[in-house]
Amino acid sequence: MTLHQKIFALIIGISIFVVIIEMVRRRKLDEEYSFLWIVIGIGIVILVLWEDLLEKLTHIVGAVAHTTTIFIFGLMILVLINLHFSVKITKLSRQIKELGQEIAILKSVKKEV
C-alpha cells in the first residue's frame, strides 16, 4: 500500500473507533452493537500497521493488491453484519407478533368482564 493509502486507512480506522466510543457515551448506540464496530476499527488499524499480515492475507485470498484484500474482507464483514441484523429483525418481529396476540387476548377478556 502506498503511504497515502495507509494514512487514509488509519484515519478511517481511528475515526470509526472514536465515533463509536462517542456514540456509546451519548447512549446513541448500545454496547452490544458497539463491540463489533470497535473490532472493525481496530482491525483496520492493525492491517495497516502490520503489513506482513496484510501480505499473507492477500496471498491466502489470491488477490493481487492489498486494497483488493481489504475490500474483500470489508464485503465479508458487511454480509455478516446484515446477517446479524436479519436475525435480530426476525426475533423482534416474532416478539411484536406475540405481543399483539397477547394484547388482543387481554382486550377480549376485558370486554367479557
C-alpha atoms as a PDB file:
ATOM      1  CA  MET A   1       0.000   0.000   0.000  1.00  0.00           C
ATOM      2  CA  THR A   2       1.174   3.481  -0.695  1.00  0.00           C
ATOM      3  CA  LEU A   3       1.785   5.914   2.136  1.00  0.00           C
ATOM      4  CA  HIS A   4      -1.290   7.896   1.082  1.00  0.00           C
ATOM      5  CA  GLN A   5      -3.469   4.756   1.279  1.00  0.00           C
ATOM      6  CA  LYS A   6      -2.028   3.839   4.682  1.00  0.00           C
ATOM      7  CA  ILE A   7      -2.697   7.295   6.103  1.00  0.00           C
ATOM      8  CA  PHE A   8      -6.241   7.266   4.722  1.00  0.00           C
ATOM      9  CA  ALA A   9      -6.936   3.782   6.137  1.00  0.00           C
ATOM     10  CA  LEU A  10      -5.511   4.791   9.535  1.00  0.00           C
ATOM     11  CA  ILE A  11      -7.721   7.866   9.603  1.00  0.00           C
ATOM     12  CA  ILE A  12     -10.762   5.729   8.743  1.00  0.00           C
ATOM     13  CA  GLY A  13      -9.932   3.100  11.377  1.00  0.00           C
ATOM     14  CA  ILE A  14      -9.279   5.619  14.139  1.00  0.00           C
ATOM     15  CA  SER A  15     -12.359   7.640  13.142  1.00  0.00           C
ATOM     16  CA  ILE A  16     -14.586   4.559  13.380  1.00  0.00           C
ATOM     17  CA  PHE A  17     -13.184   3.821  16.830  1.00  0.00           C
ATOM     18  CA  VAL A  18     -13.654   7.393  18.107  1.00  0.00           C
ATOM     19  CA  VAL A  19     -17.153   7.813  16.633  1.00  0.00           C
ATOM     20  CA  ILE A  20     -18.356   4.511  18.125  1.00  0.00           C
ATOM     21  CA  ILE A  21     -16.961   5.336  21.565  1.00  0.00           C
ATOM     22  CA  GLU A  22     -18.674   8.736  21.415  1.00  0.00           C
ATOM     23  CA  MET A  23     -21.979   7.197  20.306  1.00  0.00           C
ATOM     24  CA  VAL A  24     -21.865   4.746  23.225  1.00  0.00           C
ATOM     25  CA  ARG A  25     -21.024   7.565  25.624  1.00  0.00           C
ATOM     26  CA  ARG A  26     -24.027   9.579  24.399  1.00  0.00           C
ATOM     27  CA  ARG A  27     -26.238   6.456  24.565  1.00  0.00           C
ATOM     28  CA  LYS A  28     -26.992   6.501  20.839  1.00  0.00           C
ATOM     29  CA  LEU A  29     -25.548   3.012  20.394  1.00  0.00           C
ATOM     30  CA  ASP A  30     -25.780   0.026  22.727  1.00  0.00           C
ATOM     31  CA  GLU A  31     -22.622  -1.683  23.898  1.00  0.00           C
ATOM     32  CA  GLU A  32     -23.871  -4.889  22.266  1.00  0.00           C
ATOM     33  CA  TYR A  33     -23.511  -3.380  18.799  1.00  0.00           C
ATOM     34  CA  SER A  34     -20.525  -1.172  19.540  1.00  0.00           C
ATOM     35  CA  PHE A  35     -18.218  -4.129  20.158  1.00  0.00           C
ATOM     36  CA  LEU A  36     -18.380  -5.247  16.528  1.00  0.00           C
ATOM     37  CA  TRP A  37     -17.658  -1.752  15.207  1.00  0.00           C
ATOM     38  CA  ILE A  38     -14.780  -1.215  17.635  1.00  0.00           C
ATOM     39  CA  VAL A  39     -13.256  -4.511  16.482  1.00  0.00           C
ATOM     40  CA  ILE A  40     -13.620  -3.388  12.863  1.00  0.00           C
ATOM     41  CA  GLY A  41     -11.883  -0.068  13.588  1.00  0.00           C
ATOM     42  CA  ILE A  42      -9.058  -1.774  15.453  1.00  0.00           C
ATOM     43  CA  GLY A  43      -8.811  -4.412  12.704  1.00  0.00           C
ATOM     44  CA  ILE A  44      -8.322  -1.731  10.067  1.00  0.00           C
ATOM     45  CA  VAL A  45      -5.552  -0.102  12.106  1.00  0.00           C
ATOM     46  CA  ILE A  46      -3.844  -3.485  12.682  1.00  0.00           C
ATOM     47  CA  LEU A  47      -3.951  -4.369   8.986  1.00  0.00           C
ATOM     48  CA  VAL A  48      -2.447  -1.022   8.051  1.00  0.00           C
ATOM     49  CA  LEU A  49       0.305  -1.117  10.670  1.00  0.00           C
ATOM     50  CA  TRP A  50       1.127  -4.830  10.346  1.00  0.00           C
ATOM     51  CA  GLU A  51       1.794  -5.027   6.625  1.00  0.00           C
ATOM     52  CA  ASP A  52       3.143  -8.599   6.798  1.00  0.00           C
ATOM     53  CA  LEU A  53      -0.270  -9.799   7.983  1.00  0.00           C
ATOM     54  CA  LEU A  54      -1.945  -7.985   5.110  1.00  0.00           C
ATOM     55  CA  GLU A  55       0.587  -9.503   2.709  1.00  0.00           C
ATOM     56  CA  LYS A  56      -0.161 -13.021   3.997  1.00  0.00           C
ATOM     57  CA  LEU A  57      -3.920 -12.451   3.809  1.00  0.00           C
ATOM     58  CA  THR A  58      -3.558 -11.136   0.261  1.00  0.00           C
ATOM     59  CA  HIS A  59      -1.636 -14.284  -0.687  1.00  0.00           C
ATOM     60  CA  ILE A  60      -4.219 -16.558   1.010  1.00  0.00           C
ATOM     61  CA  VAL A  61      -7.116 -14.803  -0.725  1.00  0.00           C
ATOM     62  CA  GLY A  62      -5.281 -14.925  -4.024  1.00  0.00           C
ATOM     63  CA  ALA A  63      -5.614 -11.216  -4.652  1.00  0.00           C
ATOM     64  CA  VAL A  64      -3.002  -9.140  -6.433  1.00  0.00           C
ATOM     65  CA  ALA A  65      -3.308  -5.899  -4.469  1.00  0.00           C
ATOM     66  CA  HIS A  66      -3.661  -5.225  -0.755  1.00  0.00           C
ATOM     67  CA  THR A  67      -6.604  -2.957  -1.426  1.00  0.00           C
ATOM     68  CA  THR A  68      -8.468  -5.847  -3.037  1.00  0.00           C
ATOM     69  CA  THR A  69      -7.965  -7.936   0.094  1.00  0.00           C
ATOM     70  CA  ILE A  70      -9.232  -5.131   2.299  1.00  0.00           C
ATOM     71  CA  PHE A  71     -12.242  -4.720   0.003  1.00  0.00           C
ATOM     72  CA  ILE A  72     -12.996  -8.464   0.136  1.00  0.00           C
ATOM     73  CA  PHE A  73     -12.802  -8.545   3.932  1.00  0.00           C
ATOM     74  CA  GLY A  74     -14.918  -5.404   4.146  1.00  0.00           C
ATOM     75  CA  LEU A  75     -17.541  -7.011   1.963  1.00  0.00           C
ATOM     76  CA  MET A  76     -17.489 -10.160   4.121  1.00  0.00           C
ATOM     77  CA  ILE A  77     -17.923  -8.059   7.261  1.00  0.00           C
ATOM     78  CA  LEU A  78     -20.889  -6.231   5.723  1.00  0.00           C
ATOM     79  CA  VAL A  79     -22.519  -9.544   4.808  1.00  0.00           C
ATOM     80  CA  LEU A  80     -22.058 -10.787   8.383  1.00  0.00           C
ATOM     81  CA  ILE A  81     -23.483  -7.558   9.791  1.00  0.00           C
ATOM     82  CA  ASN A  82     -26.517  -7.898   7.502  1.00  0.00           C
ATOM     83  CA  LEU A  83     -26.988 -11.488   8.619  1.00  0.00           C
ATOM     84  CA  HIS A  84     -26.765 -10.443  12.275  1.00  0.00           C
ATOM     85  CA  PHE A  85     -29.367  -7.718  11.830  1.00  0.00           C
ATOM     86  CA  SER A  86     -31.634 -10.051   9.839  1.00  0.00           C
ATOM     87  CA  VAL A  87     -31.617 -12.436  12.803  1.00  0.00           C
ATOM     88  CA  LYS A  88     -32.369  -9.535  15.177  1.00  0.00           C
ATOM     89  CA  ILE A  89     -35.220  -8.282  12.964  1.00  0.00           C
ATOM     90  CA  THR A  90     -36.706 -11.783  12.809  1.00  0.00           C
ATOM     91  CA  LYS A  91     -36.562 -12.109  16.589  1.00  0.00           C
ATOM     92  CA  LEU A  92     -38.148  -8.679  17.114  1.00  0.00           C
ATOM     93  CA  SER A  93     -40.864  -9.395  14.521  1.00  0.00           C
ATOM     94  CA  ARG A  94     -41.817 -12.559  16.390  1.00  0.00           C
ATOM     95  CA  GLN A  95     -41.902 -10.667  19.682  1.00  0.00           C
ATOM     96  CA  ILE A  96     -44.141  -7.981  18.155  1.00  0.00           C
ATOM     97  CA  LYS A  97     -46.491 -10.648  16.808  1.00  0.00           C
ATOM     98  CA  GLU A  98     -46.680 -12.348  20.222  1.00  0.00           C
ATOM     99  CA  LEU A  99     -47.309  -9.020  21.966  1.00  0.00           C
ATOM    100  CA  GLY A 100     -50.075  -8.188  19.502  1.00  0.00           C
ATOM    101  CA  GLN A 101     -51.707 -11.541  20.164  1.00  0.00           C
ATOM    102  CA  GLU A 102     -51.436 -11.050  23.924  1.00  0.00           C
ATOM    103  CA  ILE A 103     -52.993  -7.585  23.659  1.00  0.00           C
ATOM    104  CA  ALA A 104     -55.856  -8.996  21.571  1.00  0.00           C
ATOM    105  CA  ILE A 105     -56.471 -11.703  24.191  1.00  0.00           C
ATOM    106  CA  LEU A 106     -56.389  -9.159  27.025  1.00  0.00           C
ATOM    107  CA  LYS A 107     -58.829  -6.893  25.171  1.00  0.00           C
ATOM    108  CA  SER A 108     -61.238  -9.765  24.613  1.00  0.00           C
ATOM    109  CA  VAL A 109     -61.002 -10.779  28.292  1.00  0.00           C
ATOM    110  CA  LYS A 110     -61.602  -7.147  29.321  1.00  0.00           C
ATOM    111  CA  LYS A 111     -64.744  -6.976  27.139  1.00  0.00           C
ATOM    112  CA  GLU A 112     -66.068 -10.145  28.752  1.00  0.00           C
ATOM    113  CA  VAL A 113     -65.593  -8.708  32.241  1.00  0.00           C
END
